Amino acid sequence: SWDVEALFISGRIADIALTVMIAEAVLLYAYLTYRGGAEQFRTLIANLAAGGCLVVALRLALVGAAWQWIAFALGASLLAHVVDLWSRLRS
């Protein structure tokens, strides 16, 4: 049986989320490249990075990491988000 509480306490839930996100990115890249739309994937990179950094911040918080590391991950997420917004507004 699944011990959901242990998944959260250990931070493994974030590892699972990151694994799913990476698999999603690989599948999207393969699909879009196959369809000749690799440029479309480039527009998703900053968005995926922002989400990934948020999940890393969650993991750090769940395992009791120092606040500085959590703040760094959140700052990286914000930076990726700003890049994503800037690239969307530019086009």
C-alpha atoms as a PDB file:
ATOM      1  CA  SER A   1       0.000   0.000   0.000  1.00  0.00           C
ATOM      2  CA  TRP A   2       1.013   3.586  -0.520  1.00  0.00           C
ATOM      3  CA  ASP A   3       2.144   5.596   2.493  1.00  0.00           C
ATOM      4  CA  VAL A   4       1.163   9.029   1.219  1.00  0.00           C
ATOM      5  CA  GLU A   5       2.270  10.773   4.399  1.00  0.00           C
ATOM      6  CA  ALA A   6       5.775   9.363   3.972  1.00  0.00           C
ATOM      7  CA  LEU A   7       5.847  10.580   0.352  1.00  0.00           C
ATOM      8  CA  PHE A   8       5.300  14.128   1.579  1.00  0.00           C
ATOM      9  CA  ILE A   9       7.502  14.020   4.683  1.00  0.00           C
ATOM     10  CA  SER A  10      10.450  12.624   2.722  1.00  0.00           C
ATOM     11  CA  GLY A  11       9.976  15.016  -0.200  1.00  0.00           C
ATOM     12  CA  ARG A  12       9.616  12.065  -2.580  1.00  0.00           C
ATOM     13  CA  ILE A  13       6.320  13.503  -3.838  1.00  0.00           C
ATOM     14  CA  ALA A  14       8.327  16.368  -5.354  1.00  0.00           C
ATOM     15  CA  ASP A  15      10.740  13.868  -6.911  1.00  0.00           C
ATOM     16  CA  ILE A  16       7.784  12.131  -8.530  1.00  0.00           C
ATOM     17  CA  ALA A  17       6.409  15.453  -9.798  1.00  0.00           C
ATOM     18  CA  LEU A  18       9.805  16.416 -11.244  1.00  0.00           C
ATOM     19  CA  THR A  19      10.123  13.020 -12.923  1.00  0.00           C
ATOM     20  CA  VAL A  20       6.703  13.452 -14.516  1.00  0.00           C
ATOM     21  CA  MET A  21       7.624  16.957 -15.669  1.00  0.00           C
ATOM     22  CA  ILE A  22      10.875  15.742 -17.229  1.00  0.00           C
ATOM     23  CA  ALA A  23       9.066  12.888 -18.971  1.00  0.00           C
ATOM     24  CA  GLU A  24       6.480  15.368 -20.234  1.00  0.00           C
ATOM     25  CA  ALA A  25       9.228  17.633 -21.586  1.00  0.00           C
ATOM     26  CA  VAL A  26      10.987  14.750 -23.352  1.00  0.00           C
ATOM     27  CA  LEU A  27       7.737  13.520 -24.898  1.00  0.00           C
ATOM     28  CA  LEU A  28       6.727  17.023 -25.967  1.00  0.00           C
ATOM     29  CA  TYR A  29      10.136  17.599 -27.506  1.00  0.00           C
ATOM     30  CA  ALA A  30       9.991  14.312 -29.400  1.00  0.00           C
ATOM     31  CA  TYR A  31       6.432  14.938 -30.587  1.00  0.00           C
ATOM     32  CA  LEU A  32       7.024  18.537 -31.650  1.00  0.00           C
ATOM     33  CA  THR A  33      10.314  17.689 -33.353  1.00  0.00           C
ATOM     34  CA  TYR A  34       8.622  14.865 -35.237  1.00  0.00           C
ATOM     35  CA  ARG A  35       5.895  17.286 -36.372  1.00  0.00           C
ATOM     36  CA  GLY A  36       8.487  19.873 -37.391  1.00  0.00           C
ATOM     37  CA  GLY A  37       7.658  22.253 -34.571  1.00  0.00           C
ATOM     38  CA  ALA A  38      10.837  22.249 -32.489  1.00  0.00           C
ATOM     39  CA  GLU A  39      10.522  26.041 -32.284  1.00  0.00           C
ATOM     40  CA  GLN A  40       7.288  25.564 -30.337  1.00  0.00           C
ATOM     41  CA  PHE A  41       9.191  23.565 -27.728  1.00  0.00           C
ATOM     42  CA  ARG A  42      11.673  26.397 -27.222  1.00  0.00           C
ATOM     43  CA  THR A  43       8.786  28.611 -26.185  1.00  0.00           C
ATOM     44  CA  LEU A  44       7.936  26.153 -23.389  1.00  0.00           C
ATOM     45  CA  ILE A  45      11.399  25.885 -21.840  1.00  0.00           C
ATOM     46  CA  ALA A  46      11.096  28.913 -19.529  1.00  0.00           C
ATOM     47  CA  ASN A  47       7.614  27.800 -18.458  1.00  0.00           C
ATOM     48  CA  LEU A  48       8.863  24.298 -17.639  1.00  0.00           C
ATOM     49  CA  ALA A  49      11.841  25.773 -15.777  1.00  0.00           C
ATOM     50  CA  ALA A  50       9.575  28.009 -13.668  1.00  0.00           C
ATOM     51  CA  GLY A  51       7.409  25.051 -12.685  1.00  0.00           C
ATOM     52  CA  GLY A  52      10.415  22.849 -12.038  1.00  0.00           C
ATOM     53  CA  CYS A  53      11.968  25.437  -9.729  1.00  0.00           C
ATOM     54  CA  LEU A  54       8.700  25.697  -7.800  1.00  0.00           C
ATOM     55  CA  VAL A  55       8.682  21.929  -7.311  1.00  0.00           C
ATOM     56  CA  VAL A  56      12.310  22.063  -6.149  1.00  0.00           C
ATOM     57  CA  ALA A  57      11.339  24.788  -3.643  1.00  0.00           C
ATOM     58  CA  LEU A  58       8.499  22.564  -2.434  1.00  0.00           C
ATOM     59  CA  ARG A  59      10.895  19.651  -1.967  1.00  0.00           C
ATOM     60  CA  LEU A  60      13.344  21.812  -0.063  1.00  0.00           C
ATOM     61  CA  ALA A  61      10.573  23.067   2.217  1.00  0.00           C
ATOM     62  CA  LEU A  62       9.229  19.553   2.820  1.00  0.00           C
ATOM     63  CA  VAL A  63      12.617  18.229   3.930  1.00  0.00           C
ATOM     64  CA  GLY A  64      13.388  21.234   6.136  1.00  0.00           C
ATOM     65  CA  ALA A  65      16.165  22.787   4.084  1.00  0.00           C
ATOM     66  CA  ALA A  66      17.589  26.175   5.015  1.00  0.00           C
ATOM     67  CA  TRP A  67      15.378  29.092   4.023  1.00  0.00           C
ATOM     68  CA  GLN A  68      18.147  30.485   1.813  1.00  0.00           C
ATOM     69  CA  TRP A  69      17.930  27.446  -0.507  1.00  0.00           C
ATOM     70  CA  ILE A  70      14.151  27.724  -0.670  1.00  0.00           C
ATOM     71  CA  ALA A  71      14.445  31.440  -1.443  1.00  0.00           C
ATOM     72  CA  PHE A  72      17.016  30.681  -4.162  1.00  0.00           C
ATOM     73  CA  ALA A  73      14.693  28.148  -5.822  1.00  0.00           C
ATOM     74  CA  LEU A  74      11.769  30.578  -5.621  1.00  0.00           C
ATOM     75  CA  GLY A  75      13.928  33.355  -7.067  1.00  0.00           C
ATOM     76  CA  ALA A  76      14.995  31.098  -9.937  1.00  0.00           C
ATOM     77  CA  SER A  77      11.335  30.293 -10.562  1.00  0.00           C
ATOM     78  CA  LEU A  78      10.481  33.985 -10.652  1.00  0.00           C
ATOM     79  CA  LEU A  79      13.306  34.669 -13.098  1.00  0.00           C
ATOM     80  CA  ALA A  80      12.165  31.855 -15.404  1.00  0.00           C
ATOM     81  CA  HIS A  81       8.581  33.130 -15.136  1.00  0.00           C
ATOM     82  CA  VAL A  82       9.641  36.662 -16.115  1.00  0.00           C
ATOM     83  CA  VAL A  83      11.582  35.275 -19.086  1.00  0.00           C
ATOM     84  CA  ASP A  84       8.508  33.279 -20.116  1.00  0.00           C
ATOM     85  CA  LEU A  85       6.226  36.316 -19.862  1.00  0.00           C
ATOM     86  CA  TRP A  86       8.706  38.544 -21.694  1.00  0.00           C
ATOM     87  CA  SER A  87       9.025  36.066 -24.564  1.00  0.00           C
ATOM     88  CA  ARG A  88       5.227  35.701 -24.838  1.00  0.00           C
ATOM     89  CA  LEU A  89       4.592  39.449 -24.787  1.00  0.00           C
ATOM     90  CA  ARG A  90       7.373  40.057 -27.295  1.00  0.00           C
ATOM     91  CA  SER A  91       5.835  37.777 -29.912  1.00  0.00           C
END
